[in-house]
Amino acid sequence: MRALYLETLRMLLNTVVCLLIFGAGLELGSSYLQIIAVVMYLSHLIASAERRTTWNATEKKSDYREKFPKK
């Protein structure tokens, strides 16, 4: 449950930062800042999916050890 809270907080903070950078790009008329904000957000989504996959895999590790003990 703690991982869910941390992931939610991380997603919220990253979304706010990306929106601020994107807004600054709009304000300054800089397409580069807008592109950076979009790339940052997409990279965070990918990293979030990787963390979730890794977490799910480590949760199942004990099951694998019981089913396939070392010889």
PDB file of N, CA and C in Angstrom:
ATOM      1  N   MET A   1       0.820  -1.191   0.000  1.00  0.00           N
ATOM      2  CA  MET A   1       0.000   0.000   0.000  1.00  0.00           C
ATOM      3  C   MET A   1       0.870   1.262   0.000  1.00  0.00           C
ATOM      4  N   ARG A   2       1.995   1.180   0.706  1.00  0.00           N
ATOM      5  CA  ARG A   2       2.895   2.330   0.766  1.00  0.00           C
ATOM      6  C   ARG A   2       3.440   2.675  -0.617  1.00  0.00           C
ATOM      7  N   ALA A   3       3.724   1.651  -1.416  1.00  0.00           N
ATOM      8  CA  ALA A   3       4.239   1.886  -2.767  1.00  0.00           C
ATOM      9  C   ALA A   3       3.216   2.639  -3.608  1.00  0.00           C
ATOM     10  N   LEU A   4       1.949   2.346  -3.403  1.00  0.00           N
ATOM     11  CA  LEU A   4       0.899   3.028  -4.160  1.00  0.00           C
ATOM     12  C   LEU A   4       0.854   4.510  -3.811  1.00  0.00           C
ATOM     13  N   TYR A   5       0.974   4.827  -2.518  1.00  0.00           N
ATOM     14  CA  TYR A   5       0.978   6.233  -2.109  1.00  0.00           C
ATOM     15  C   TYR A   5       2.177   6.970  -2.667  1.00  0.00           C
ATOM     16  N   LEU A   6       3.343   6.345  -2.582  1.00  0.00           N
ATOM     17  CA  LEU A   6       4.551   6.982  -3.098  1.00  0.00           C
ATOM     18  C   LEU A   6       4.474   7.182  -4.605  1.00  0.00           C
ATOM     19  N   GLU A   7       3.961   6.192  -5.301  1.00  0.00           N
ATOM     20  CA  GLU A   7       3.842   6.302  -6.755  1.00  0.00           C
ATOM     21  C   GLU A   7       2.837   7.389  -7.139  1.00  0.00           C
ATOM     22  N   THR A   8       1.761   7.494  -6.388  1.00  0.00           N
ATOM     23  CA  THR A   8       0.765   8.533  -6.651  1.00  0.00           C
ATOM     24  C   THR A   8       1.359   9.927  -6.401  1.00  0.00           C
ATOM     25  N   LEU A   9       2.086  10.067  -5.308  1.00  0.00           N
ATOM     26  CA  LEU A   9       2.725  11.352  -5.011  1.00  0.00           C
ATOM     27  C   LEU A   9       3.767  11.697  -6.064  1.00  0.00           C
ATOM     28  N   ARG A  10       4.557  10.712  -6.472  1.00  0.00           N
ATOM     29  CA  ARG A  10       5.579  10.932  -7.501  1.00  0.00           C
ATOM     30  C   ARG A  10       4.923  11.369  -8.818  1.00  0.00           C
ATOM     31  N   MET A  11       3.828  10.719  -9.181  1.00  0.00           N
ATOM     32  CA  MET A  11       3.129  11.052 -10.425  1.00  0.00           C
ATOM     33  C   MET A  11       2.549  12.468 -10.354  1.00  0.00           C
ATOM     34  N   LEU A  12       1.984  12.821  -9.206  1.00  0.00           N
ATOM     35  CA  LEU A  12       1.400  14.152  -9.044  1.00  0.00           C
ATOM     36  C   LEU A  12       2.472  15.240  -9.153  1.00  0.00           C
ATOM     37  N   LEU A  13       3.585  15.045  -8.456  1.00  0.00           N
ATOM     38  CA  LEU A  13       4.660  16.043  -8.502  1.00  0.00           C
ATOM     39  C   LEU A  13       5.235  16.170  -9.913  1.00  0.00           C
ATOM     40  N   ASN A  14       5.452  15.050 -10.571  1.00  0.00           N
ATOM     41  CA  ASN A  14       5.995  15.103 -11.921  1.00  0.00           C
ATOM     42  C   ASN A  14       5.018  15.773 -12.882  1.00  0.00           C
ATOM     43  N   THR A  15       3.741  15.513 -12.720  1.00  0.00           N
ATOM     44  CA  THR A  15       2.736  16.132 -13.585  1.00  0.00           C
ATOM     45  C   THR A  15       2.739  17.649 -13.402  1.00  0.00           C
ATOM     46  N   VAL A  16       2.819  18.095 -12.156  1.00  0.00           N
ATOM     47  CA  VAL A  16       2.837  19.534 -11.890  1.00  0.00           C
ATOM     48  C   VAL A  16       4.077  20.185 -12.507  1.00  0.00           C
ATOM     49  N   VAL A  17       5.243  19.549 -12.320  1.00  0.00           N
ATOM     50  CA  VAL A  17       6.479  20.099 -12.879  1.00  0.00           C
ATOM     51  C   VAL A  17       6.404  20.154 -14.399  1.00  0.00           C
ATOM     52  N   CYS A  18       5.924  19.084 -15.017  1.00  0.00           N
ATOM     53  CA  CYS A  18       5.823  19.061 -16.482  1.00  0.00           C
ATOM     54  C   CYS A  18       4.836  20.107 -16.993  1.00  0.00           C
ATOM     55  N   LEU A  19       3.733  20.285 -16.273  1.00  0.00           N
ATOM     56  CA  LEU A  19       2.769  21.315 -16.679  1.00  0.00           C
ATOM     57  C   LEU A  19       3.367  22.712 -16.554  1.00  0.00           C
ATOM     58  N   LEU A  20       4.136  22.948 -15.492  1.00  0.00           N
ATOM     59  CA  LEU A  20       4.780  24.256 -15.330  1.00  0.00           C
ATOM     60  C   LEU A  20       5.791  24.515 -16.442  1.00  0.00           C
ATOM     61  N   ILE A  21       6.569  23.506 -16.786  1.00  0.00           N
ATOM     62  CA  ILE A  21       7.539  23.675 -17.874  1.00  0.00           C
ATOM     63  C   ILE A  21       6.817  23.891 -19.193  1.00  0.00           C
ATOM     64  N   PHE A  22       5.759  23.132 -19.427  1.00  0.00           N
ATOM     65  CA  PHE A  22       4.988  23.300 -20.662  1.00  0.00           C
ATOM     66  C   PHE A  22       4.361  24.695 -20.715  1.00  0.00           C
ATOM     67  N   GLY A  23       3.824  25.149 -19.574  1.00  0.00           N
ATOM     68  CA  GLY A  23       3.245  26.492 -19.509  1.00  0.00           C
ATOM     69  C   GLY A  23       4.279  27.574 -19.751  1.00  0.00           C
ATOM     70  N   ALA A  24       5.477  27.368 -19.225  1.00  0.00           N
ATOM     71  CA  ALA A  24       6.554  28.333 -19.476  1.00  0.00           C
ATOM     72  C   ALA A  24       6.907  28.353 -20.961  1.00  0.00           C
ATOM     73  N   GLY A  25       6.876  27.200 -21.586  1.00  0.00           N
ATOM     74  CA  GLY A  25       7.129  27.138 -23.024  1.00  0.00           C
ATOM     75  C   GLY A  25       6.077  27.879 -23.818  1.00  0.00           C
ATOM     76  N   LEU A  26       4.831  27.770 -23.391  1.00  0.00           N
ATOM     77  CA  LEU A  26       3.754  28.517 -24.065  1.00  0.00           C
ATOM     78  C   LEU A  26       3.930  30.018 -23.858  1.00  0.00           C
ATOM     79  N   GLU A  27       4.238  30.388 -22.621  1.00  0.00           N
ATOM     80  CA  GLU A  27       4.395  31.802 -22.286  1.00  0.00           C
ATOM     81  C   GLU A  27       5.554  32.438 -23.063  1.00  0.00           C
ATOM     82  N   LEU A  28       6.643  31.711 -23.170  1.00  0.00           N
ATOM     83  CA  LEU A  28       7.821  32.242 -23.859  1.00  0.00           C
ATOM     84  C   LEU A  28       7.800  31.979 -25.358  1.00  0.00           C
ATOM     85  N   GLY A  29       6.851  31.189 -25.794  1.00  0.00           N
ATOM     86  CA  GLY A  29       6.780  30.847 -27.207  1.00  0.00           C
ATOM     87  C   GLY A  29       7.898  29.903 -27.631  1.00  0.00           C
ATOM     88  N   SER A  30       8.339  29.072 -26.698  1.00  0.00           N
ATOM     89  CA  SER A  30       9.455  28.159 -26.964  1.00  0.00           C
ATOM     90  C   SER A  30       8.927  26.741 -27.171  1.00  0.00           C
ATOM     91  N   SER A  31       9.009  26.284 -28.401  1.00  0.00           N
ATOM     92  CA  SER A  31       8.563  24.922 -28.670  1.00  0.00           C
ATOM     93  C   SER A  31       9.509  23.901 -28.043  1.00  0.00           C
ATOM     94  N   TYR A  32      10.777  24.286 -27.832  1.00  0.00           N
ATOM     95  CA  TYR A  32      11.738  23.382 -27.206  1.00  0.00           C
ATOM     96  C   TYR A  32      11.343  23.056 -25.767  1.00  0.00           C
ATOM     97  N   LEU A  33      10.918  24.054 -25.018  1.00  0.00           N
ATOM     98  CA  LEU A  33      10.468  23.807 -23.646  1.00  0.00           C
ATOM     99  C   LEU A  33       9.235  22.912 -23.631  1.00  0.00           C
ATOM    100  N   GLN A  34       8.340  23.098 -24.569  1.00  0.00           N
ATOM    101  CA  GLN A  34       7.152  22.260 -24.649  1.00  0.00           C
ATOM    102  C   GLN A  34       7.526  20.806 -24.962  1.00  0.00           C
ATOM    103  N   ILE A  35       8.468  20.628 -25.869  1.00  0.00           N
ATOM    104  CA  ILE A  35       8.916  19.282 -26.221  1.00  0.00           C
ATOM    105  C   ILE A  35       9.598  18.626 -25.023  1.00  0.00           C
ATOM    106  N   ILE A  36      10.425  19.393 -24.307  1.00  0.00           N
ATOM    107  CA  ILE A  36      11.090  18.858 -23.119  1.00  0.00           C
ATOM    108  C   ILE A  36      10.067  18.409 -22.082  1.00  0.00           C
ATOM    109  N   ALA A  37       9.026  19.196 -21.869  1.00  0.00           N
ATOM    110  CA  ALA A  37       7.996  18.837 -20.898  1.00  0.00           C
ATOM    111  C   ALA A  37       7.282  17.554 -21.304  1.00  0.00           C
ATOM    112  N   VAL A  38       6.963  17.418 -22.568  1.00  0.00           N
ATOM    113  CA  VAL A  38       6.272  16.209 -23.039  1.00  0.00           C
ATOM    114  C   VAL A  38       7.180  14.986 -22.910  1.00  0.00           C
ATOM    115  N   VAL A  39       8.454  15.131 -23.282  1.00  0.00           N
ATOM    116  CA  VAL A  39       9.391  14.014 -23.177  1.00  0.00           C
ATOM    117  C   VAL A  39       9.598  13.623 -21.711  1.00  0.00           C
ATOM    118  N   MET A  40       9.691  14.609 -20.818  1.00  0.00           N
ATOM    119  CA  MET A  40       9.830  14.313 -19.393  1.00  0.00           C
ATOM    120  C   MET A  40       8.629  13.525 -18.883  1.00  0.00           C
ATOM    121  N   TYR A  41       7.440  13.928 -19.278  1.00  0.00           N
ATOM    122  CA  TYR A  41       6.241  13.254 -18.806  1.00  0.00           C
ATOM    123  C   TYR A  41       6.164  11.821 -19.345  1.00  0.00           C
ATOM    124  N   LEU A  42       6.480  11.656 -20.629  1.00  0.00           N
ATOM    125  CA  LEU A  42       6.458  10.305 -21.207  1.00  0.00           C
ATOM    126  C   LEU A  42       7.507   9.408 -20.556  1.00  0.00           C
ATOM    127  N   SER A  43       8.682   9.947 -20.277  1.00  0.00           N
ATOM    128  CA  SER A  43       9.710   9.136 -19.631  1.00  0.00           C
ATOM    129  C   SER A  43       9.286   8.737 -18.223  1.00  0.00           C
ATOM    130  N   HIS A  44       8.566   9.616 -17.541  1.00  0.00           N
ATOM    131  CA  HIS A  44       8.072   9.256 -16.214  1.00  0.00           C
ATOM    132  C   HIS A  44       7.023   8.157 -16.296  1.00  0.00           C
ATOM    133  N   LEU A  45       6.157   8.219 -17.290  1.00  0.00           N
ATOM    134  CA  LEU A  45       5.157   7.159 -17.440  1.00  0.00           C
ATOM    135  C   LEU A  45       5.813   5.806 -17.701  1.00  0.00           C
ATOM    136  N   ILE A  46       6.840   5.801 -18.525  1.00  0.00           N
ATOM    137  CA  ILE A  46       7.550   4.558 -18.827  1.00  0.00           C
ATOM    138  C   ILE A  46       8.251   4.036 -17.573  1.00  0.00           C
ATOM    139  N   ALA A  47       8.921   4.924 -16.838  1.00  0.00           N
ATOM    140  CA  ALA A  47       9.612   4.516 -15.610  1.00  0.00           C
ATOM    141  C   ALA A  47       8.619   3.993 -14.576  1.00  0.00           C
ATOM    142  N   SER A  48       7.462   4.604 -14.507  1.00  0.00           N
ATOM    143  CA  SER A  48       6.436   4.158 -13.571  1.00  0.00           C
ATOM    144  C   SER A  48       5.968   2.749 -13.913  1.00  0.00           C
ATOM    145  N   ALA A  49       5.774   2.479 -15.184  1.00  0.00           N
ATOM    146  CA  ALA A  49       5.364   1.133 -15.600  1.00  0.00           C
ATOM    147  C   ALA A  49       6.462   0.115 -15.301  1.00  0.00           C
ATOM    148  N   GLU A  50       7.713   0.503 -15.492  1.00  0.00           N
ATOM    149  CA  GLU A  50       8.819  -0.411 -15.187  1.00  0.00           C
ATOM    150  C   GLU A  50       8.902  -0.693 -13.691  1.00  0.00           C
ATOM    151  N   ARG A  51       8.712   0.332 -12.865  1.00  0.00           N
ATOM    152  CA  ARG A  51       8.741   0.119 -11.411  1.00  0.00           C
ATOM    153  C   ARG A  51       7.626  -0.819 -10.984  1.00  0.00           C
ATOM    154  N   ARG A  52       6.450  -0.629 -11.541  1.00  0.00           N
ATOM    155  CA  ARG A  52       5.314  -1.479 -11.170  1.00  0.00           C
ATOM    156  C   ARG A  52       5.579  -2.925 -11.585  1.00  0.00           C
ATOM    157  N   THR A  53       6.136  -3.122 -12.768  1.00  0.00           N
ATOM    158  CA  THR A  53       6.453  -4.467 -13.238  1.00  0.00           C
ATOM    159  C   THR A  53       7.492  -5.122 -12.338  1.00  0.00           C
ATOM    160  N   THR A  54       8.518  -4.371 -11.965  1.00  0.00           N
ATOM    161  CA  THR A  54       9.560  -4.899 -11.088  1.00  0.00           C
ATOM    162  C   THR A  54       8.992  -5.236  -9.721  1.00  0.00           C
ATOM    163  N   TRP A  55       8.142  -4.374  -9.199  1.00  0.00           N
ATOM    164  CA  TRP A  55       7.540  -4.616  -7.890  1.00  0.00           C
ATOM    165  C   TRP A  55       6.697  -5.883  -7.917  1.00  0.00           C
ATOM    166  N   ASN A  56       5.887  -6.038  -8.946  1.00  0.00           N
ATOM    167  CA  ASN A  56       5.060  -7.237  -9.053  1.00  0.00           C
ATOM    168  C   ASN A  56       5.915  -8.488  -9.162  1.00  0.00           C
ATOM    169  N   ALA A  57       7.023  -8.414  -9.853  1.00  0.00           N
ATOM    170  CA  ALA A  57       7.908  -9.568 -10.004  1.00  0.00           C
ATOM    171  C   ALA A  57       8.562  -9.928  -8.672  1.00  0.00           C
ATOM    172  N   THR A  58       8.958  -8.932  -7.883  1.00  0.00           N
ATOM    173  CA  THR A  58       9.603  -9.244  -6.604  1.00  0.00           C
ATOM    174  C   THR A  58       8.595  -9.768  -5.593  1.00  0.00           C
ATOM    175  N   GLU A  59       7.339  -9.378  -5.715  1.00  0.00           N
ATOM    176  CA  GLU A  59       6.322  -9.925  -4.815  1.00  0.00           C
ATOM    177  C   GLU A  59       6.140 -11.423  -5.040  1.00  0.00           C
ATOM    178  N   LYS A  60       6.293 -11.875  -6.265  1.00  0.00           N
ATOM    179  CA  LYS A  60       6.087 -13.283  -6.601  1.00  0.00           C
ATOM    180  C   LYS A  60       7.334 -14.126  -6.372  1.00  0.00           C
ATOM    181  N   LYS A  61       8.437 -13.508  -5.992  1.00  0.00           N
ATOM    182  CA  LYS A  61       9.700 -14.217  -5.857  1.00  0.00           C
ATOM    183  C   LYS A  61       9.611 -15.340  -4.833  1.00  0.00           C
ATOM    184  N   SER A  62       8.926 -15.117  -3.722  1.00  0.00           N
ATOM    185  CA  SER A  62       8.820 -16.161  -2.691  1.00  0.00           C
ATOM    186  C   SER A  62       8.044 -17.367  -3.216  1.00  0.00           C
ATOM    187  N   ASP A  63       7.045 -17.140  -4.053  1.00  0.00           N
ATOM    188  CA  ASP A  63       6.296 -18.252  -4.633  1.00  0.00           C
ATOM    189  C   ASP A  63       7.196 -19.115  -5.503  1.00  0.00           C
ATOM    190  N   TYR A  64       8.055 -18.478  -6.287  1.00  0.00           N
ATOM    191  CA  TYR A  64       8.961 -19.224  -7.145  1.00  0.00           C
ATOM    192  C   TYR A  64       9.944 -20.041  -6.319  1.00  0.00           C
ATOM    193  N   ARG A  65      10.412 -19.482  -5.209  1.00  0.00           N
ATOM    194  CA  ARG A  65      11.350 -20.212  -4.357  1.00  0.00           C
ATOM    195  C   ARG A  65      10.700 -21.442  -3.756  1.00  0.00           C
ATOM    196  N   GLU A  66       9.425 -21.345  -3.399  1.00  0.00           N
ATOM    197  CA  GLU A  66       8.725 -22.510  -2.837  1.00  0.00           C
ATOM    198  C   GLU A  66       8.476 -23.573  -3.895  1.00  0.00           C
ATOM    199  N   LYS A  67       8.127 -23.142  -5.094  1.00  0.00           N
ATOM    200  CA  LYS A  67       7.841 -24.105  -6.173  1.00  0.00           C
ATOM    201  C   LYS A  67       9.105 -24.743  -6.740  1.00  0.00           C
ATOM    202  N   PHE A  68      10.178 -23.971  -6.783  1.00  0.00           N
ATOM    203  CA  PHE A  68      11.426 -24.441  -7.398  1.00  0.00           C
ATOM    204  C   PHE A  68      12.581 -24.236  -6.409  1.00  0.00           C
ATOM    205  N   PRO A  69      12.674 -25.074  -5.388  1.00  0.00           N
ATOM    206  CA  PRO A  69      13.764 -24.898  -4.416  1.00  0.00           C
ATOM    207  C   PRO A  69      15.120 -25.241  -5.033  1.00  0.00           C
ATOM    208  N   LYS A  70      16.169 -24.647  -4.457  1.00  0.00           N
ATOM    209  CA  LYS A  70      17.529 -24.938  -4.940  1.00  0.00           C
ATOM    210  C   LYS A  70      17.893 -26.346  -4.523  1.00  0.00           C
ATOM    211  N   LYS A  71      18.645 -27.016  -5.377  1.00  0.00           N
ATOM    212  CA  LYS A  71      19.029 -28.397  -5.087  1.00  0.00           C
ATOM    213  C   LYS A  71      20.381 -28.460  -4.438  1.00  0.00           C
TER     214      LYS A  71
END
